[in-house]
Amino acid sequence: MSTRPPLPVLDFARIGPAIGSHFPDVSLPNQQGEIVDLHAARDGQRALIVFHRSASW
Protein backbone atom coordinates (compact mmCIF):
# COMPACT_ATOMS: atom_id res chain seq x y z
CA MET A 1 0.00 0.00 0.00
CA SER A 2 1.19 3.46 -0.83
CA THR A 3 0.94 6.25 1.68
CA ARG A 4 -0.34 9.64 0.66
CA PRO A 5 0.92 12.91 2.06
CA PRO A 6 -1.53 14.58 4.46
CA LEU A 7 -4.04 17.00 2.97
CA PRO A 8 -3.46 20.68 3.68
CA VAL A 9 -5.48 22.30 6.44
CA LEU A 10 -8.02 24.70 4.94
CA ASP A 11 -9.39 27.76 6.69
CA PHE A 12 -12.96 27.66 5.37
CA ALA A 13 -13.68 31.10 6.86
CA ARG A 14 -11.34 32.57 4.22
CA ILE A 15 -12.70 30.68 1.18
CA GLY A 16 -15.53 32.01 -0.96
CA PRO A 17 -17.71 35.08 -0.58
CA ALA A 18 -18.00 36.71 2.84
CA ILE A 19 -21.26 36.35 4.76
CA GLY A 20 -23.68 38.99 3.55
CA SER A 21 -21.69 39.86 0.43
CA HIS A 22 -23.20 39.92 -3.06
CA PHE A 23 -22.95 36.49 -4.68
CA PRO A 24 -21.47 36.51 -8.20
CA ASP A 25 -23.81 36.28 -11.18
CA VAL A 26 -24.42 32.59 -11.82
CA SER A 27 -26.37 30.83 -14.55
CA LEU A 28 -26.51 27.04 -14.32
CA PRO A 29 -28.75 24.27 -15.66
CA ASN A 30 -31.55 23.01 -13.42
CA GLN A 31 -32.69 19.38 -13.15
CA GLN A 32 -34.48 19.65 -16.51
CA GLY A 33 -31.42 21.13 -18.26
CA GLU A 34 -32.93 24.64 -18.51
CA ILE A 35 -30.49 27.49 -17.80
CA VAL A 36 -31.50 29.42 -14.67
CA ASP A 37 -30.06 32.81 -13.71
CA LEU A 38 -29.65 32.85 -9.92
CA HIS A 39 -30.47 36.53 -9.42
CA ALA A 40 -33.38 36.64 -11.88
CA ALA A 41 -34.95 33.47 -10.43
CA ARG A 42 -34.83 34.81 -6.86
CA ASP A 43 -36.54 38.10 -7.77
CA GLY A 44 -34.76 39.93 -4.93
CA GLN A 45 -35.35 37.24 -2.29
CA ARG A 46 -32.56 35.70 -0.24
CA ALA A 47 -31.12 32.32 -1.20
CA LEU A 48 -29.05 29.58 0.34
CA ILE A 49 -26.45 28.28 -2.11
CA VAL A 50 -25.24 24.70 -1.65
CA PHE A 51 -22.84 22.99 -4.03
CA HIS A 52 -22.77 19.23 -3.70
CA ARG A 53 -20.42 16.87 -5.43
CA SER A 54 -21.88 13.43 -5.87
CA ALA A 55 -19.70 10.42 -5.12
CA SER A 56 -21.18 8.55 -8.09
CA TRP A 57 -20.70 10.08 -11.53
C-alpha atoms as a PDB file:
ATOM      1  CA  MET A   1       0.000   0.000   0.000  1.00  0.00           C
ATOM      2  CA  SER A   2       1.189   3.461  -0.829  1.00  0.00           C
ATOM      3  CA  THR A   3       0.939   6.245   1.679  1.00  0.00           C
ATOM      4  CA  ARG A   4      -0.335   9.639   0.657  1.00  0.00           C
ATOM      5  CA  PRO A   5       0.920  12.913   2.063  1.00  0.00           C
ATOM      6  CA  PRO A   6      -1.526  14.578   4.458  1.00  0.00           C
ATOM      7  CA  LEU A   7      -4.041  16.999   2.967  1.00  0.00           C
ATOM      8  CA  PRO A   8      -3.457  20.681   3.684  1.00  0.00           C
ATOM      9  CA  VAL A   9      -5.477  22.298   6.439  1.00  0.00           C
ATOM     10  CA  LEU A  10      -8.024  24.704   4.944  1.00  0.00           C
ATOM     11  CA  ASP A  11      -9.389  27.760   6.688  1.00  0.00           C
ATOM     12  CA  PHE A  12     -12.963  27.661   5.374  1.00  0.00           C
ATOM     13  CA  ALA A  13     -13.682  31.096   6.856  1.00  0.00           C
ATOM     14  CA  ARG A  14     -11.341  32.570   4.223  1.00  0.00           C
ATOM     15  CA  ILE A  15     -12.699  30.677   1.183  1.00  0.00           C
ATOM     16  CA  GLY A  16     -15.528  32.011  -0.958  1.00  0.00           C
ATOM     17  CA  PRO A  17     -17.709  35.078  -0.575  1.00  0.00           C
ATOM     18  CA  ALA A  18     -17.996  36.706   2.843  1.00  0.00           C
ATOM     19  CA  ILE A  19     -21.256  36.347   4.755  1.00  0.00           C
ATOM     20  CA  GLY A  20     -23.683  38.989   3.547  1.00  0.00           C
ATOM     21  CA  SER A  21     -21.688  39.859   0.430  1.00  0.00           C
ATOM     22  CA  HIS A  22     -23.204  39.920  -3.057  1.00  0.00           C
ATOM     23  CA  PHE A  23     -22.953  36.485  -4.678  1.00  0.00           C
ATOM     24  CA  PRO A  24     -21.468  36.512  -8.201  1.00  0.00           C
ATOM     25  CA  ASP A  25     -23.810  36.283 -11.181  1.00  0.00           C
ATOM     26  CA  VAL A  26     -24.419  32.591 -11.817  1.00  0.00           C
ATOM     27  CA  SER A  27     -26.366  30.831 -14.554  1.00  0.00           C
ATOM     28  CA  LEU A  28     -26.511  27.040 -14.319  1.00  0.00           C
ATOM     29  CA  PRO A  29     -28.749  24.269 -15.660  1.00  0.00           C
ATOM     30  CA  ASN A  30     -31.549  23.012 -13.415  1.00  0.00           C
ATOM     31  CA  GLN A  31     -32.685  19.376 -13.147  1.00  0.00           C
ATOM     32  CA  GLN A  32     -34.478  19.646 -16.515  1.00  0.00           C
ATOM     33  CA  GLY A  33     -31.420  21.128 -18.262  1.00  0.00           C
ATOM     34  CA  GLU A  34     -32.926  24.637 -18.508  1.00  0.00           C
ATOM     35  CA  ILE A  35     -30.493  27.486 -17.796  1.00  0.00           C
ATOM     36  CA  VAL A  36     -31.502  29.418 -14.666  1.00  0.00           C
ATOM     37  CA  ASP A  37     -30.059  32.807 -13.710  1.00  0.00           C
ATOM     38  CA  LEU A  38     -29.652  32.853  -9.920  1.00  0.00           C
ATOM     39  CA  HIS A  39     -30.468  36.534  -9.416  1.00  0.00           C
ATOM     40  CA  ALA A  40     -33.384  36.636 -11.882  1.00  0.00           C
ATOM     41  CA  ALA A  41     -34.952  33.465 -10.430  1.00  0.00           C
ATOM     42  CA  ARG A  42     -34.826  34.809  -6.863  1.00  0.00           C
ATOM     43  CA  ASP A  43     -36.539  38.098  -7.768  1.00  0.00           C
ATOM     44  CA  GLY A  44     -34.761  39.927  -4.925  1.00  0.00           C
ATOM     45  CA  GLN A  45     -35.354  37.244  -2.289  1.00  0.00           C
ATOM     46  CA  ARG A  46     -32.557  35.696  -0.243  1.00  0.00           C
ATOM     47  CA  ALA A  47     -31.124  32.324  -1.200  1.00  0.00           C
ATOM     48  CA  LEU A  48     -29.045  29.578   0.342  1.00  0.00           C
ATOM     49  CA  ILE A  49     -26.455  28.276  -2.112  1.00  0.00           C
ATOM     50  CA  VAL A  50     -25.237  24.700  -1.647  1.00  0.00           C
ATOM     51  CA  PHE A  51     -22.842  22.992  -4.031  1.00  0.00           C
ATOM     52  CA  HIS A  52     -22.773  19.229  -3.700  1.00  0.00           C
ATOM     53  CA  ARG A  53     -20.416  16.868  -5.432  1.00  0.00           C
ATOM     54  CA  SER A  54     -21.881  13.429  -5.870  1.00  0.00           C
ATOM     55  CA  ALA A  55     -19.697  10.416  -5.121  1.00  0.00           C
ATOM     56  CA  SER A  56     -21.181   8.546  -8.092  1.00  0.00           C
ATOM     57  CA  TRP A  57     -20.702  10.075 -11.527  1.00  0.00           C
END
